[in-house]
């Protein structure tokens, strides 16, 4: 198993996060995950260069972004 991780490169997809060593945007992978596609199907039908750990890295990246996000709630007057 391997985990390429996620990288941001300003010259690839306008700096959007991609699976390391590819031009595959994290967002594209997450959209397929959100549609309920099994990881194996995402690999076989869409991104044969990915491995299961790459998809897990995309999900983990989204979790980390949400964890780091600051949420400001405005109280009604």
PDB file of N, CA and C in Angstrom:
ATOM      1  N   UNK A   1       0.843  -1.185   0.000  1.00  0.00           N
ATOM      2  CA  UNK A   1       0.000   0.000   0.000  1.00  0.00           C
ATOM      3  C   UNK A   1       0.884   1.242   0.000  1.00  0.00           C
ATOM      4  N   UNK A   2       0.309   2.309  -0.515  1.00  0.00           N
ATOM      5  CA  UNK A   2       1.042   3.568  -0.529  1.00  0.00           C
ATOM      6  C   UNK A   2       0.065   4.698  -0.297  1.00  0.00           C
ATOM      7  N   UNK A   3       0.557   5.789   0.147  1.00  0.00           N
ATOM      8  CA  UNK A   3      -0.263   6.972   0.330  1.00  0.00           C
ATOM      9  C   UNK A   3       0.496   8.143  -0.257  1.00  0.00           C
ATOM     10  N   UNK A   4       0.059   8.560  -1.426  1.00  0.00           N
ATOM     11  CA  UNK A   4       0.721   9.684  -2.080  1.00  0.00           C
ATOM     12  C   UNK A   4       0.488  10.975  -1.323  1.00  0.00           C
ATOM     13  N   UNK A   5      -0.669  11.094  -0.723  1.00  0.00           N
ATOM     14  CA  UNK A   5      -1.014  12.336  -0.058  1.00  0.00           C
ATOM     15  C   UNK A   5      -1.618  13.339  -1.024  1.00  0.00           C
ATOM     16  N   UNK A   6      -1.679  14.553  -0.552  1.00  0.00           N
ATOM     17  CA  UNK A   6      -2.302  15.640  -1.303  1.00  0.00           C
ATOM     18  C   UNK A   6      -1.280  16.760  -1.448  1.00  0.00           C
ATOM     19  N   UNK A   7      -1.263  17.371  -2.626  1.00  0.00           N
ATOM     20  CA  UNK A   7      -0.357  18.496  -2.830  1.00  0.00           C
ATOM     21  C   UNK A   7      -1.082  19.623  -3.549  1.00  0.00           C
ATOM     22  N   UNK A   8      -0.560  20.805  -3.344  1.00  0.00           N
ATOM     23  CA  UNK A   8      -1.096  21.990  -4.026  1.00  0.00           C
ATOM     24  C   UNK A   8       0.045  22.589  -4.825  1.00  0.00           C
ATOM     25  N   UNK A   9      -0.201  22.720  -6.127  1.00  0.00           N
ATOM     26  CA  UNK A   9       0.799  23.260  -7.036  1.00  0.00           C
ATOM     27  C   UNK A   9       0.093  24.308  -7.885  1.00  0.00           C
ATOM     28  N   UNK A  10       0.565  25.535  -7.822  1.00  0.00           N
ATOM     29  CA  UNK A  10      -0.123  26.626  -8.523  1.00  0.00           C
ATOM     30  C   UNK A  10      -0.203  26.421 -10.032  1.00  0.00           C
ATOM     31  N   UNK A  11       0.631  25.561 -10.584  1.00  0.00           N
ATOM     32  CA  UNK A  11       0.601  25.339 -12.040  1.00  0.00           C
ATOM     33  C   UNK A  11      -0.286  24.153 -12.439  1.00  0.00           C
ATOM     34  N   UNK A  12      -0.923  23.500 -11.471  1.00  0.00           N
ATOM     35  CA  UNK A  12      -1.817  22.377 -11.768  1.00  0.00           C
ATOM     36  C   UNK A  12      -3.208  22.704 -11.240  1.00  0.00           C
ATOM     37  N   UNK A  13      -4.191  22.710 -12.127  1.00  0.00           N
ATOM     38  CA  UNK A  13      -5.594  22.982 -11.767  1.00  0.00           C
ATOM     39  C   UNK A  13      -5.740  24.250 -10.937  1.00  0.00           C
ATOM     40  N   UNK A  14      -5.016  25.299 -11.331  1.00  0.00           N
ATOM     41  CA  UNK A  14      -5.122  26.612 -10.691  1.00  0.00           C
ATOM     42  C   UNK A  14      -4.861  26.552  -9.189  1.00  0.00           C
ATOM     43  N   UNK A  15      -4.012  25.622  -8.766  1.00  0.00           N
ATOM     44  CA  UNK A  15      -3.642  25.530  -7.363  1.00  0.00           C
ATOM     45  C   UNK A  15      -4.617  24.767  -6.492  1.00  0.00           C
ATOM     46  N   UNK A  16      -5.575  24.090  -7.116  1.00  0.00           N
ATOM     47  CA  UNK A  16      -6.511  23.288  -6.315  1.00  0.00           C
ATOM     48  C   UNK A  16      -5.794  22.029  -5.835  1.00  0.00           C
ATOM     49  N   UNK A  17      -6.142  21.518  -4.662  1.00  0.00           N
ATOM     50  CA  UNK A  17      -5.494  20.319  -4.136  1.00  0.00           C
ATOM     51  C   UNK A  17      -5.698  19.118  -5.058  1.00  0.00           C
ATOM     52  N   UNK A  18      -4.614  18.391  -5.301  1.00  0.00           N
ATOM     53  CA  UNK A  18      -4.639  17.196  -6.152  1.00  0.00           C
ATOM     54  C   UNK A  18      -3.931  16.057  -5.430  1.00  0.00           C
ATOM     55  N   UNK A  19      -4.225  14.842  -5.857  1.00  0.00           N
ATOM     56  CA  UNK A  19      -3.499  13.692  -5.345  1.00  0.00           C
ATOM     57  C   UNK A  19      -2.047  13.851  -5.797  1.00  0.00           C
ATOM     58  N   UNK A  20      -1.129  13.706  -4.862  1.00  0.00           N
ATOM     59  CA  UNK A  20       0.289  13.909  -5.141  1.00  0.00           C
ATOM     60  C   UNK A  20       0.751  13.074  -6.324  1.00  0.00           C
ATOM     61  N   UNK A  21       1.482  13.717  -7.230  1.00  0.00           N
ATOM     62  CA  UNK A  21       2.028  13.031  -8.392  1.00  0.00           C
ATOM     63  C   UNK A  21       1.047  12.831  -9.524  1.00  0.00           C
ATOM     64  N   UNK A  22      -0.156  13.419  -9.390  1.00  0.00           N
ATOM     65  CA  UNK A  22      -1.174  13.306 -10.440  1.00  0.00           C
ATOM     66  C   UNK A  22      -1.755  14.681 -10.723  1.00  0.00           C
ATOM     67  N   UNK A  23      -2.652  14.716 -11.677  1.00  0.00           N
ATOM     68  CA  UNK A  23      -3.424  15.924 -11.955  1.00  0.00           C
ATOM     69  C   UNK A  23      -4.880  15.697 -11.552  1.00  0.00           C
ATOM     70  N   UNK A  24      -5.098  14.774 -10.631  1.00  0.00           N
ATOM     71  CA  UNK A  24      -6.447  14.405 -10.203  1.00  0.00           C
ATOM     72  C   UNK A  24      -6.843  15.269  -9.009  1.00  0.00           C
ATOM     73  N   UNK A  25      -7.848  16.150  -9.198  1.00  0.00           N
ATOM     74  CA  UNK A  25      -8.262  17.028  -8.112  1.00  0.00           C
ATOM     75  C   UNK A  25      -8.957  16.265  -6.983  1.00  0.00           C
ATOM     76  N   UNK A  26      -8.654  16.648  -5.763  1.00  0.00           N
ATOM     77  CA  UNK A  26      -9.314  16.062  -4.598  1.00  0.00           C
ATOM     78  C   UNK A  26     -10.827  16.220  -4.731  1.00  0.00           C
ATOM     79  N   UNK A  27     -11.275  17.371  -5.166  1.00  0.00           N
ATOM     80  CA  UNK A  27     -12.704  17.633  -5.290  1.00  0.00           C
ATOM     81  C   UNK A  27     -13.380  16.619  -6.202  1.00  0.00           C
ATOM     82  N   UNK A  28     -12.756  16.271  -7.307  1.00  0.00           N
ATOM     83  CA  UNK A  28     -13.349  15.304  -8.237  1.00  0.00           C
ATOM     84  C   UNK A  28     -13.512  13.943  -7.586  1.00  0.00           C
ATOM     85  N   UNK A  29     -12.514  13.542  -6.828  1.00  0.00           N
ATOM     86  CA  UNK A  29     -12.590  12.258  -6.124  1.00  0.00           C
ATOM     87  C   UNK A  29     -13.693  12.312  -5.072  1.00  0.00           C
ATOM     88  N   UNK A  30     -13.752  13.398  -4.306  1.00  0.00           N
ATOM     89  CA  UNK A  30     -14.758  13.521  -3.258  1.00  0.00           C
ATOM     90  C   UNK A  30     -16.175  13.566  -3.822  1.00  0.00           C
ATOM     91  N   UNK A  31     -16.345  14.145  -4.988  1.00  0.00           N
ATOM     92  CA  UNK A  31     -17.679  14.166  -5.614  1.00  0.00           C
ATOM     93  C   UNK A  31     -18.136  12.743  -5.922  1.00  0.00           C
ATOM     94  N   UNK A  32     -17.231  11.897  -6.379  1.00  0.00           N
ATOM     95  CA  UNK A  32     -17.587  10.501  -6.656  1.00  0.00           C
ATOM     96  C   UNK A  32     -17.888   9.754  -5.359  1.00  0.00           C
ATOM     97  N   UNK A  33     -17.104  10.030  -4.320  1.00  0.00           N
ATOM     98  CA  UNK A  33     -17.361   9.419  -3.015  1.00  0.00           C
ATOM     99  C   UNK A  33     -18.742   9.841  -2.515  1.00  0.00           C
ATOM    100  N   UNK A  34     -19.071  11.125  -2.677  1.00  0.00           N
ATOM    101  CA  UNK A  34     -20.353  11.630  -2.182  1.00  0.00           C
ATOM    102  C   UNK A  34     -21.541  11.037  -2.936  1.00  0.00           C
ATOM    103  N   UNK A  35     -21.306  10.577  -4.155  1.00  0.00           N
ATOM    104  CA  UNK A  35     -22.360   9.915  -4.925  1.00  0.00           C
ATOM    105  C   UNK A  35     -22.552   8.466  -4.499  1.00  0.00           C
ATOM    106  N   UNK A  36     -21.710   8.022  -3.569  1.00  0.00           N
ATOM    107  CA  UNK A  36     -21.858   6.679  -3.040  1.00  0.00           C
ATOM    108  C   UNK A  36     -21.119   5.603  -3.819  1.00  0.00           C
ATOM    109  N   UNK A  37     -20.257   6.002  -4.735  1.00  0.00           N
ATOM    110  CA  UNK A  37     -19.509   5.003  -5.486  1.00  0.00           C
ATOM    111  C   UNK A  37     -18.487   4.323  -4.583  1.00  0.00           C
ATOM    112  N   UNK A  38     -18.396   3.012  -4.668  1.00  0.00           N
ATOM    113  CA  UNK A  38     -17.355   2.311  -3.910  1.00  0.00           C
ATOM    114  C   UNK A  38     -15.974   2.742  -4.399  1.00  0.00           C
ATOM    115  N   UNK A  39     -15.011   2.752  -3.471  1.00  0.00           N
ATOM    116  CA  UNK A  39     -13.663   3.166  -3.837  1.00  0.00           C
ATOM    117  C   UNK A  39     -13.130   2.356  -5.008  1.00  0.00           C
ATOM    118  N   UNK A  40     -13.378   1.053  -5.006  1.00  0.00           N
ATOM    119  CA  UNK A  40     -12.882   0.190  -6.082  1.00  0.00           C
ATOM    120  C   UNK A  40     -13.452   0.609  -7.433  1.00  0.00           C
ATOM    121  N   UNK A  41     -14.706   1.049  -7.453  1.00  0.00           N
ATOM    122  CA  UNK A  41     -15.321   1.485  -8.705  1.00  0.00           C
ATOM    123  C   UNK A  41     -14.742   2.828  -9.160  1.00  0.00           C
ATOM    124  N   UNK A  42     -14.451   3.712  -8.226  1.00  0.00           N
ATOM    125  CA  UNK A  42     -13.825   4.990  -8.577  1.00  0.00           C
ATOM    126  C   UNK A  42     -12.506   4.717  -9.288  1.00  0.00           C
ATOM    127  N   UNK A  43     -11.763   3.758  -8.767  1.00  0.00           N
ATOM    128  CA  UNK A  43     -10.479   3.409  -9.377  1.00  0.00           C
ATOM    129  C   UNK A  43     -10.677   2.754 -10.733  1.00  0.00           C
ATOM    130  N   UNK A  44     -11.554   1.756 -10.807  1.00  0.00           N
ATOM    131  CA  UNK A  44     -11.695   1.006 -12.062  1.00  0.00           C
ATOM    132  C   UNK A  44     -12.365   1.810 -13.169  1.00  0.00           C
ATOM    133  N   UNK A  45     -13.349   2.634 -12.822  1.00  0.00           N
ATOM    134  CA  UNK A  45     -14.128   3.343 -13.852  1.00  0.00           C
ATOM    135  C   UNK A  45     -13.639   4.758 -14.145  1.00  0.00           C
ATOM    136  N   UNK A  46     -12.960   5.390 -13.192  1.00  0.00           N
ATOM    137  CA  UNK A  46     -12.613   6.803 -13.369  1.00  0.00           C
ATOM    138  C   UNK A  46     -11.119   7.095 -13.298  1.00  0.00           C
ATOM    139  N   UNK A  47     -10.455   6.571 -12.290  1.00  0.00           N
ATOM    140  CA  UNK A  47      -9.059   6.928 -12.051  1.00  0.00           C
ATOM    141  C   UNK A  47      -8.200   5.687 -11.790  1.00  0.00           C
ATOM    142  N   UNK A  48      -7.874   4.945 -12.832  1.00  0.00           N
ATOM    143  CA  UNK A  48      -7.113   3.703 -12.646  1.00  0.00           C
ATOM    144  C   UNK A  48      -5.704   3.913 -12.084  1.00  0.00           C
ATOM    145  N   UNK A  49      -5.206   5.145 -12.098  1.00  0.00           N
ATOM    146  CA  UNK A  49      -3.886   5.415 -11.533  1.00  0.00           C
ATOM    147  C   UNK A  49      -3.912   5.575 -10.012  1.00  0.00           C
ATOM    148  N   UNK A  50      -5.123   5.649  -9.425  1.00  0.00           N
ATOM    149  CA  UNK A  50      -5.234   5.801  -7.981  1.00  0.00           C
ATOM    150  C   UNK A  50      -5.202   4.444  -7.288  1.00  0.00           C
ATOM    151  N   UNK A  51      -4.923   4.499  -5.999  1.00  0.00           N
ATOM    152  CA  UNK A  51      -5.005   3.343  -5.119  1.00  0.00           C
ATOM    153  C   UNK A  51      -5.984   3.688  -3.999  1.00  0.00           C
ATOM    154  N   UNK A  52      -6.403   2.694  -3.258  1.00  0.00           N
ATOM    155  CA  UNK A  52      -7.343   2.939  -2.159  1.00  0.00           C
ATOM    156  C   UNK A  52      -6.815   3.993  -1.193  1.00  0.00           C
ATOM    157  N   UNK A  53      -5.540   3.946  -0.892  1.00  0.00           N
ATOM    158  CA  UNK A  53      -4.970   4.924   0.039  1.00  0.00           C
ATOM    159  C   UNK A  53      -5.037   6.351  -0.501  1.00  0.00           C
ATOM    160  N   UNK A  54      -5.024   6.512  -1.813  1.00  0.00           N
ATOM    161  CA  UNK A  54      -5.147   7.855  -2.400  1.00  0.00           C
ATOM    162  C   UNK A  54      -6.537   8.427  -2.133  1.00  0.00           C
ATOM    163  N   UNK A  55      -7.555   7.579  -2.268  1.00  0.00           N
ATOM    164  CA  UNK A  55      -8.925   8.041  -2.013  1.00  0.00           C
ATOM    165  C   UNK A  55      -9.101   8.328  -0.529  1.00  0.00           C
ATOM    166  N   UNK A  56      -8.534   7.478   0.301  1.00  0.00           N
ATOM    167  CA  UNK A  56      -8.580   7.732   1.746  1.00  0.00           C
ATOM    168  C   UNK A  56      -7.883   9.050   2.082  1.00  0.00           C
ATOM    169  N   UNK A  57      -6.793   9.348   1.389  1.00  0.00           N
ATOM    170  CA  UNK A  57      -6.083  10.612   1.618  1.00  0.00           C
ATOM    171  C   UNK A  57      -6.966  11.802   1.255  1.00  0.00           C
ATOM    172  N   UNK A  58      -7.768  11.676   0.207  1.00  0.00           N
ATOM    173  CA  UNK A  58      -8.695  12.748  -0.181  1.00  0.00           C
ATOM    174  C   UNK A  58      -9.733  12.971   0.911  1.00  0.00           C
ATOM    175  N   UNK A  59     -10.286  11.882   1.425  1.00  0.00           N
ATOM    176  CA  UNK A  59     -11.281  11.995   2.496  1.00  0.00           C
ATOM    177  C   UNK A  59     -10.640  12.592   3.739  1.00  0.00           C
ATOM    178  N   UNK A  60      -9.453  12.145   4.088  1.00  0.00           N
ATOM    179  CA  UNK A  60      -8.753  12.674   5.259  1.00  0.00           C
ATOM    180  C   UNK A  60      -8.452  14.159   5.086  1.00  0.00           C
ATOM    181  N   UNK A  61      -8.078  14.557   3.884  1.00  0.00           N
ATOM    182  CA  UNK A  61      -7.812  15.969   3.608  1.00  0.00           C
ATOM    183  C   UNK A  61      -9.067  16.801   3.865  1.00  0.00           C
ATOM    184  N   UNK A  62     -10.213  16.330   3.407  1.00  0.00           N
ATOM    185  CA  UNK A  62     -11.468  17.053   3.623  1.00  0.00           C
ATOM    186  C   UNK A  62     -11.778  17.154   5.110  1.00  0.00           C
ATOM    187  N   UNK A  63     -11.538  16.091   5.852  1.00  0.00           N
ATOM    188  CA  UNK A  63     -11.766  16.105   7.297  1.00  0.00           C
ATOM    189  C   UNK A  63     -10.868  17.146   7.954  1.00  0.00           C
ATOM    190  N   UNK A  64      -9.608  17.177   7.561  1.00  0.00           N
ATOM    191  CA  UNK A  64      -8.668  18.125   8.155  1.00  0.00           C
ATOM    192  C   UNK A  64      -9.028  19.566   7.830  1.00  0.00           C
ATOM    193  N   UNK A  65      -9.505  19.801   6.611  1.00  0.00           N
ATOM    194  CA  UNK A  65      -9.938  21.157   6.233  1.00  0.00           C
ATOM    195  C   UNK A  65     -11.128  21.578   7.090  1.00  0.00           C
ATOM    196  N   UNK A  66     -12.082  20.674   7.268  1.00  0.00           N
ATOM    197  CA  UNK A  66     -13.252  20.997   8.094  1.00  0.00           C
ATOM    198  C   UNK A  66     -12.850  21.233   9.545  1.00  0.00           C
ATOM    199  N   UNK A  67     -11.905  20.452  10.029  1.00  0.00           N
ATOM    200  CA  UNK A  67     -11.451  20.604  11.415  1.00  0.00           C
ATOM    201  C   UNK A  67     -10.770  21.950  11.626  1.00  0.00           C
ATOM    202  N   UNK A  68     -10.066  22.427  10.623  1.00  0.00           N
ATOM    203  CA  UNK A  68      -9.333  23.689  10.732  1.00  0.00           C
ATOM    204  C   UNK A  68     -10.204  24.912  10.467  1.00  0.00           C
ATOM    205  N   UNK A  69     -11.375  24.702   9.882  1.00  0.00           N
ATOM    206  CA  UNK A  69     -12.243  25.818   9.521  1.00  0.00           C
ATOM    207  C   UNK A  69     -12.829  26.473  10.767  1.00  0.00           C
ATOM    208  N   UNK A  70     -12.774  27.771  10.783  1.00  0.00           N
ATOM    209  CA  UNK A  70     -13.389  28.522  11.871  1.00  0.00           C
ATOM    210  C   UNK A  70     -14.811  28.876  11.470  1.00  0.00           C
ATOM    211  N   UNK A  71     -15.716  28.591  12.353  1.00  0.00           N
ATOM    212  CA  UNK A  71     -17.126  28.880  12.092  1.00  0.00           C
ATOM    213  C   UNK A  71     -17.542  30.002  13.033  1.00  0.00           C
ATOM    214  N   UNK A  72     -18.093  31.040  12.453  1.00  0.00           N
ATOM    215  CA  UNK A  72     -18.542  32.196  13.241  1.00  0.00           C
ATOM    216  C   UNK A  72     -20.066  32.259  13.159  1.00  0.00           C
ATOM    217  N   UNK A  73     -20.679  32.175  14.298  1.00  0.00           N
ATOM    218  CA  UNK A  73     -22.138  32.186  14.347  1.00  0.00           C
ATOM    219  C   UNK A  73     -22.575  33.559  14.854  1.00  0.00           C
ATOM    220  N   UNK A  74     -23.415  34.191  14.062  1.00  0.00           N
ATOM    221  CA  UNK A  74     -23.957  35.483  14.466  1.00  0.00           C
ATOM    222  C   UNK A  74     -25.241  35.241  15.258  1.00  0.00           C
ATOM    223  N   UNK A  75     -25.306  35.823  16.426  1.00  0.00           N
ATOM    224  CA  UNK A  75     -26.497  35.693  17.248  1.00  0.00           C
ATOM    225  C   UNK A  75     -27.542  36.701  16.804  1.00  0.00           C
ATOM    226  N   UNK A  76     -28.779  36.237  16.740  1.00  0.00           N
ATOM    227  CA  UNK A  76     -29.878  37.131  16.341  1.00  0.00           C
ATOM    228  C   UNK A  76     -30.123  38.136  17.465  1.00  0.00           C
ATOM    229  N   UNK A  77     -30.415  39.356  17.054  1.00  0.00           N
ATOM    230  CA  UNK A  77     -30.633  40.412  18.052  1.00  0.00           C
ATOM    231  C   UNK A  77     -31.989  40.333  18.675  1.00  0.00           C
TER     232      UNK A  77
END
